[in-house]
Amino acid sequence: MITLFSLGLIAYPSSAQASASGCDPWPLPPVRVLCASVSGSGTYVDRVSFSSPLSSFTCDAKGAIRFYDTAGGLYHQETRQAKHGCTWGDGFDIYPRKHMRKGKVCSVQLINGAQRAGVCHRIN
């Protein structure tokens, strides 16, 4: 089961057997909302989708997925360049397509190298 919790100020709890999704607002300029959804089943993670419903002008945006074990240790990370240069933000996907350890996966948005928002999902 994949369950959602947020790294940010507001959590949008949800749970599902095959997928989970949620959003995290980032109130500081530039104001953004990162939404992330995880598709998979059990410990298998097929796809992590990023979107920003309140798109804003960003530079050097990247998305990263970070996998943590049940003790909180980071054991795997994948990063993808969303856009090169400066542009209006939009969505993209990362496809791990593998079984991961029990714990959590966190989807984070990096703008100019700094983390702006993050959404985590439990992997059980």
N, C-alpha and C. Protein backbone atom coordinates (compact mmCIF):
# COMPACT_ATOMS: atom_id res chain seq x y z
N MET A 1 0.84 -1.17 0.00
CA MET A 1 0.00 0.00 0.00
C MET A 1 0.89 1.23 0.00
N ILE A 2 0.55 2.20 -0.80
CA ILE A 2 1.28 3.47 -0.87
C ILE A 2 0.41 4.52 -0.21
N THR A 3 0.97 5.23 0.78
CA THR A 3 0.23 6.23 1.55
C THR A 3 0.95 7.56 1.47
N LEU A 4 0.21 8.64 1.45
CA LEU A 4 0.77 9.97 1.27
C LEU A 4 0.93 10.71 2.58
N PHE A 5 2.03 11.46 2.69
CA PHE A 5 2.14 12.52 3.67
C PHE A 5 3.02 13.60 3.06
N SER A 6 2.98 14.80 3.60
CA SER A 6 3.65 15.94 2.97
C SER A 6 4.84 16.39 3.78
N LEU A 7 5.88 16.89 3.10
CA LEU A 7 7.03 17.50 3.76
C LEU A 7 6.76 18.95 4.10
N GLY A 8 5.76 19.55 3.50
CA GLY A 8 5.53 20.98 3.61
C GLY A 8 4.60 21.36 4.73
N LEU A 9 3.98 22.51 4.55
CA LEU A 9 3.13 23.08 5.57
C LEU A 9 1.77 22.42 5.67
N ILE A 10 1.26 21.91 4.57
CA ILE A 10 -0.08 21.33 4.54
C ILE A 10 0.00 19.93 3.96
N ALA A 11 -0.61 18.97 4.62
CA ALA A 11 -0.63 17.60 4.10
C ALA A 11 -2.00 17.30 3.53
N TYR A 12 -2.02 16.52 2.49
CA TYR A 12 -3.26 16.07 1.88
C TYR A 12 -3.27 14.55 1.95
N PRO A 13 -3.76 13.98 3.06
CA PRO A 13 -3.66 12.54 3.21
C PRO A 13 -4.51 11.78 2.21
N SER A 14 -3.96 10.66 1.78
CA SER A 14 -4.69 9.79 0.87
C SER A 14 -3.99 8.45 0.88
N SER A 15 -4.70 7.41 0.55
CA SER A 15 -4.06 6.11 0.44
C SER A 15 -4.80 5.30 -0.61
N ALA A 16 -4.06 4.40 -1.22
CA ALA A 16 -4.64 3.53 -2.23
C ALA A 16 -3.72 2.33 -2.40
N GLN A 17 -4.25 1.23 -2.90
CA GLN A 17 -3.43 0.05 -3.08
C GLN A 17 -2.49 0.20 -4.27
N ALA A 18 -2.92 0.87 -5.31
CA ALA A 18 -2.11 0.93 -6.53
C ALA A 18 -1.41 2.27 -6.70
N SER A 19 -1.91 3.33 -6.08
CA SER A 19 -1.28 4.62 -6.29
C SER A 19 -1.69 5.60 -5.19
N ALA A 20 -0.98 6.71 -5.12
CA ALA A 20 -1.31 7.78 -4.17
C ALA A 20 -0.84 9.08 -4.77
N SER A 21 -1.49 10.18 -4.37
CA SER A 21 -1.08 11.48 -4.89
C SER A 21 -1.36 12.55 -3.85
N GLY A 22 -0.72 13.68 -4.01
CA GLY A 22 -0.93 14.80 -3.11
C GLY A 22 -0.16 16.01 -3.58
N CYS A 23 -0.41 17.15 -2.91
CA CYS A 23 0.21 18.41 -3.31
C CYS A 23 0.82 19.09 -2.09
N ASP A 24 1.84 19.90 -2.35
CA ASP A 24 2.53 20.65 -1.30
C ASP A 24 2.71 22.08 -1.79
N PRO A 25 2.09 23.06 -1.13
CA PRO A 25 2.28 24.45 -1.53
C PRO A 25 3.61 24.99 -1.00
N TRP A 26 4.24 25.85 -1.75
CA TRP A 26 5.44 26.54 -1.33
C TRP A 26 5.11 28.02 -1.34
N PRO A 27 4.87 28.64 -0.15
CA PRO A 27 4.34 30.00 -0.09
C PRO A 27 5.34 31.11 -0.40
N LEU A 28 6.64 30.81 -0.38
CA LEU A 28 7.63 31.85 -0.62
C LEU A 28 7.84 32.06 -2.11
N PRO A 29 8.22 33.25 -2.51
CA PRO A 29 8.42 33.49 -3.94
C PRO A 29 9.50 32.58 -4.52
N PRO A 30 9.34 32.04 -5.72
CA PRO A 30 8.09 32.11 -6.48
C PRO A 30 7.07 31.14 -5.91
N VAL A 31 5.82 31.61 -5.76
CA VAL A 31 4.75 30.78 -5.22
C VAL A 31 4.48 29.63 -6.18
N ARG A 32 4.50 28.41 -5.66
CA ARG A 32 4.30 27.22 -6.48
C ARG A 32 3.54 26.18 -5.68
N VAL A 33 3.00 25.24 -6.38
CA VAL A 33 2.43 24.05 -5.77
C VAL A 33 3.02 22.87 -6.50
N LEU A 34 3.63 21.96 -5.77
CA LEU A 34 4.13 20.73 -6.37
C LEU A 34 3.12 19.63 -6.08
N CYS A 35 2.67 18.98 -7.12
CA CYS A 35 1.82 17.80 -6.95
C CYS A 35 2.61 16.61 -7.47
N ALA A 36 2.51 15.52 -6.76
CA ALA A 36 3.21 14.31 -7.18
C ALA A 36 2.29 13.12 -6.96
N SER A 37 2.37 12.18 -7.87
CA SER A 37 1.62 10.94 -7.70
C SER A 37 2.55 9.78 -7.99
N VAL A 38 2.33 8.71 -7.25
CA VAL A 38 3.12 7.49 -7.41
C VAL A 38 2.19 6.40 -7.90
N SER A 39 2.58 5.71 -8.96
CA SER A 39 1.81 4.57 -9.47
C SER A 39 2.61 3.31 -9.23
N GLY A 40 1.96 2.32 -8.69
CA GLY A 40 2.61 1.05 -8.41
C GLY A 40 1.72 0.20 -7.54
N SER A 41 2.29 -0.86 -7.00
CA SER A 41 1.54 -1.75 -6.14
C SER A 41 2.49 -2.40 -5.15
N GLY A 42 2.13 -2.38 -3.87
CA GLY A 42 3.01 -2.94 -2.86
C GLY A 42 4.32 -2.16 -2.84
N THR A 43 5.44 -2.87 -3.01
CA THR A 43 6.74 -2.21 -3.03
C THR A 43 7.21 -1.89 -4.45
N TYR A 44 6.40 -2.23 -5.46
CA TYR A 44 6.78 -1.95 -6.85
C TYR A 44 6.37 -0.52 -7.21
N VAL A 45 7.33 0.27 -7.65
CA VAL A 45 7.07 1.65 -8.06
C VAL A 45 7.28 1.74 -9.56
N ASP A 46 6.20 2.01 -10.28
CA ASP A 46 6.25 2.09 -11.74
C ASP A 46 6.60 3.50 -12.21
N ARG A 47 5.86 4.49 -11.71
CA ARG A 47 6.01 5.86 -12.22
C ARG A 47 5.77 6.86 -11.10
N VAL A 48 6.52 7.96 -11.14
CA VAL A 48 6.28 9.10 -10.27
C VAL A 48 6.04 10.30 -11.20
N SER A 49 4.87 10.91 -11.07
CA SER A 49 4.48 12.04 -11.93
C SER A 49 4.53 13.33 -11.14
N PHE A 50 5.10 14.35 -11.74
CA PHE A 50 5.18 15.68 -11.14
C PHE A 50 4.28 16.62 -11.94
N SER A 51 3.60 17.53 -11.24
CA SER A 51 2.85 18.58 -11.92
C SER A 51 2.79 19.80 -11.02
N SER A 52 2.54 20.94 -11.62
CA SER A 52 2.42 22.20 -10.90
C SER A 52 1.18 22.93 -11.40
N PRO A 53 0.03 22.73 -10.72
CA PRO A 53 -1.20 23.35 -11.20
C PRO A 53 -1.15 24.88 -11.19
N LEU A 54 -0.35 25.46 -10.31
CA LEU A 54 -0.17 26.92 -10.30
C LEU A 54 1.19 27.20 -10.91
N SER A 55 1.29 27.02 -12.22
CA SER A 55 2.57 27.16 -12.90
C SER A 55 3.13 28.56 -12.71
N SER A 56 4.43 28.62 -12.59
CA SER A 56 5.10 29.91 -12.50
C SER A 56 6.40 29.84 -13.29
N PHE A 57 6.96 30.98 -13.52
CA PHE A 57 8.20 31.06 -14.28
C PHE A 57 9.33 30.54 -13.39
N THR A 58 10.06 29.53 -13.84
CA THR A 58 11.14 28.95 -13.07
C THR A 58 12.38 28.79 -13.94
N CYS A 59 13.50 28.70 -13.28
CA CYS A 59 14.77 28.48 -13.97
C CYS A 59 15.42 27.22 -13.43
N ASP A 60 15.93 26.42 -14.33
CA ASP A 60 16.67 25.20 -13.97
C ASP A 60 15.91 24.31 -13.00
N ALA A 61 14.65 24.03 -13.31
CA ALA A 61 13.82 23.17 -12.46
C ALA A 61 14.20 21.71 -12.67
N LYS A 62 14.28 20.97 -11.56
CA LYS A 62 14.55 19.54 -11.59
C LYS A 62 13.57 18.85 -10.67
N GLY A 63 13.33 17.60 -10.94
CA GLY A 63 12.54 16.77 -10.04
C GLY A 63 13.42 15.64 -9.55
N ALA A 64 13.29 15.29 -8.30
CA ALA A 64 14.06 14.18 -7.74
C ALA A 64 13.12 13.27 -6.97
N ILE A 65 13.36 11.98 -7.07
CA ILE A 65 12.67 11.03 -6.22
C ILE A 65 13.73 10.38 -5.34
N ARG A 66 13.44 10.36 -4.04
CA ARG A 66 14.37 9.84 -3.05
C ARG A 66 13.69 8.72 -2.27
N PHE A 67 14.34 7.58 -2.23
CA PHE A 67 13.78 6.42 -1.53
C PHE A 67 14.50 6.24 -0.20
N TYR A 68 13.71 6.09 0.87
CA TYR A 68 14.23 5.91 2.22
C TYR A 68 13.72 4.59 2.78
N ASP A 69 14.57 3.89 3.53
CA ASP A 69 14.13 2.65 4.18
C ASP A 69 13.34 3.00 5.44
N THR A 70 12.87 1.98 6.15
CA THR A 70 12.01 2.22 7.32
C THR A 70 12.77 2.90 8.46
N ALA A 71 14.11 2.85 8.45
CA ALA A 71 14.91 3.54 9.46
C ALA A 71 15.20 4.98 9.06
N GLY A 72 14.75 5.40 7.86
CA GLY A 72 14.94 6.77 7.40
C GLY A 72 16.21 6.98 6.59
N GLY A 73 16.92 5.90 6.29
CA GLY A 73 18.15 6.03 5.50
C GLY A 73 17.88 6.12 4.01
N LEU A 74 18.49 7.08 3.34
CA LEU A 74 18.37 7.24 1.89
C LEU A 74 19.17 6.12 1.24
N TYR A 75 18.52 5.36 0.34
CA TYR A 75 19.24 4.27 -0.33
C TYR A 75 19.19 4.38 -1.85
N HIS A 76 18.35 5.23 -2.41
CA HIS A 76 18.28 5.36 -3.87
C HIS A 76 17.70 6.72 -4.22
N GLN A 77 18.26 7.34 -5.27
CA GLN A 77 17.75 8.64 -5.73
C GLN A 77 17.85 8.71 -7.24
N GLU A 78 16.84 9.31 -7.86
CA GLU A 78 16.85 9.58 -9.29
C GLU A 78 16.45 11.03 -9.49
N THR A 79 17.17 11.73 -10.36
CA THR A 79 16.89 13.14 -10.63
C THR A 79 16.69 13.32 -12.13
N ARG A 80 15.77 14.19 -12.47
CA ARG A 80 15.50 14.47 -13.89
C ARG A 80 15.39 15.97 -14.08
N GLN A 81 16.05 16.47 -15.10
CA GLN A 81 15.94 17.88 -15.46
C GLN A 81 14.57 18.09 -16.11
N ALA A 82 13.74 18.92 -15.48
CA ALA A 82 12.41 19.18 -16.03
C ALA A 82 12.51 20.12 -17.22
N LYS A 83 13.24 21.17 -17.06
CA LYS A 83 13.38 22.18 -18.10
C LYS A 83 14.79 22.74 -18.06
N HIS A 84 15.36 23.03 -19.22
CA HIS A 84 16.66 23.70 -19.29
C HIS A 84 16.41 25.19 -19.43
N GLY A 85 17.17 25.98 -18.71
CA GLY A 85 16.99 27.42 -18.78
C GLY A 85 15.76 27.86 -18.01
N CYS A 86 15.18 28.96 -18.41
CA CYS A 86 14.01 29.51 -17.72
C CYS A 86 12.76 29.35 -18.59
N THR A 87 11.69 28.92 -17.96
CA THR A 87 10.44 28.68 -18.69
C THR A 87 9.29 28.59 -17.69
N TRP A 88 8.08 28.50 -18.21
CA TRP A 88 6.91 28.25 -17.37
C TRP A 88 6.91 26.78 -17.01
N GLY A 89 6.62 26.47 -15.73
CA GLY A 89 6.67 25.10 -15.25
C GLY A 89 5.51 24.26 -15.77
N ASP A 90 5.75 22.98 -15.89
CA ASP A 90 4.70 22.02 -16.21
C ASP A 90 5.13 20.64 -15.74
N GLY A 91 4.40 19.60 -16.09
CA GLY A 91 4.63 18.28 -15.53
C GLY A 91 5.61 17.42 -16.30
N PHE A 92 6.07 16.38 -15.63
CA PHE A 92 6.93 15.37 -16.23
C PHE A 92 6.90 14.12 -15.35
N ASP A 93 7.47 13.04 -15.84
CA ASP A 93 7.45 11.76 -15.13
C ASP A 93 8.85 11.19 -14.98
N ILE A 94 9.03 10.39 -13.92
CA ILE A 94 10.23 9.57 -13.72
C ILE A 94 9.73 8.14 -13.58
N TYR A 95 10.37 7.19 -14.24
CA TYR A 95 9.94 5.79 -14.26
C TYR A 95 10.97 4.87 -13.60
N PRO A 96 10.88 4.65 -12.28
CA PRO A 96 11.82 3.71 -11.64
C PRO A 96 11.60 2.27 -12.11
N ARG A 97 10.34 1.85 -12.22
CA ARG A 97 9.95 0.51 -12.68
C ARG A 97 10.74 -0.60 -11.99
N LYS A 98 10.71 -0.58 -10.65
CA LYS A 98 11.38 -1.62 -9.88
C LYS A 98 10.78 -1.74 -8.49
N HIS A 99 11.07 -2.86 -7.86
CA HIS A 99 10.66 -3.07 -6.48
C HIS A 99 11.62 -2.32 -5.57
N MET A 100 11.06 -1.61 -4.61
CA MET A 100 11.87 -0.84 -3.67
C MET A 100 11.66 -1.41 -2.27
N ARG A 101 12.50 -1.01 -1.35
CA ARG A 101 12.35 -1.45 0.05
C ARG A 101 11.15 -0.78 0.69
N LYS A 102 10.63 -1.38 1.74
CA LYS A 102 9.58 -0.73 2.52
C LYS A 102 10.17 0.54 3.13
N GLY A 103 9.34 1.56 3.23
CA GLY A 103 9.79 2.85 3.76
C GLY A 103 8.99 3.97 3.13
N LYS A 104 9.66 4.86 2.42
CA LYS A 104 8.94 5.96 1.76
C LYS A 104 9.70 6.41 0.53
N VAL A 105 8.95 7.05 -0.37
CA VAL A 105 9.53 7.72 -1.53
C VAL A 105 9.10 9.18 -1.43
N CYS A 106 10.05 10.08 -1.58
CA CYS A 106 9.75 11.51 -1.55
C CYS A 106 10.05 12.10 -2.92
N SER A 107 9.09 12.84 -3.43
CA SER A 107 9.21 13.53 -4.71
C SER A 107 9.46 14.99 -4.38
N VAL A 108 10.59 15.52 -4.81
CA VAL A 108 10.93 16.90 -4.47
C VAL A 108 11.19 17.70 -5.73
N GLN A 109 10.90 18.98 -5.63
CA GLN A 109 11.15 19.91 -6.72
C GLN A 109 12.35 20.77 -6.35
N LEU A 110 13.31 20.84 -7.25
CA LEU A 110 14.50 21.65 -7.04
C LEU A 110 14.49 22.78 -8.05
N ILE A 111 14.63 24.01 -7.58
CA ILE A 111 14.70 25.17 -8.46
C ILE A 111 16.00 25.90 -8.13
N ASN A 112 16.84 26.06 -9.14
CA ASN A 112 18.17 26.64 -8.95
C ASN A 112 18.94 25.91 -7.85
N GLY A 113 18.74 24.59 -7.76
CA GLY A 113 19.46 23.76 -6.80
C GLY A 113 18.87 23.70 -5.41
N ALA A 114 17.86 24.51 -5.12
CA ALA A 114 17.25 24.54 -3.79
C ALA A 114 15.92 23.80 -3.80
N GLN A 115 15.66 23.03 -2.75
CA GLN A 115 14.39 22.32 -2.66
C GLN A 115 13.28 23.30 -2.36
N ARG A 116 12.22 23.28 -3.18
CA ARG A 116 11.09 24.19 -3.03
C ARG A 116 9.86 23.54 -2.44
N ALA A 117 9.66 22.28 -2.72
CA ALA A 117 8.46 21.59 -2.24
C ALA A 117 8.73 20.10 -2.28
N GLY A 118 7.97 19.35 -1.52
CA GLY A 118 8.15 17.90 -1.52
C GLY A 118 6.90 17.18 -1.04
N VAL A 119 6.67 16.02 -1.61
CA VAL A 119 5.54 15.17 -1.24
C VAL A 119 6.10 13.77 -1.05
N CYS A 120 5.75 13.14 0.07
CA CYS A 120 6.24 11.79 0.36
C CYS A 120 5.08 10.78 0.39
N HIS A 121 5.39 9.57 0.01
CA HIS A 121 4.42 8.47 0.03
C HIS A 121 5.07 7.28 0.72
N ARG A 122 4.34 6.64 1.60
CA ARG A 122 4.86 5.44 2.26
C ARG A 122 4.82 4.27 1.29
N ILE A 123 5.81 3.40 1.40
CA ILE A 123 5.84 2.16 0.64
C ILE A 123 5.77 1.04 1.67
N ASN A 124 4.68 0.28 1.63
CA ASN A 124 4.48 -0.81 2.60
C ASN A 124 4.44 -2.14 1.90
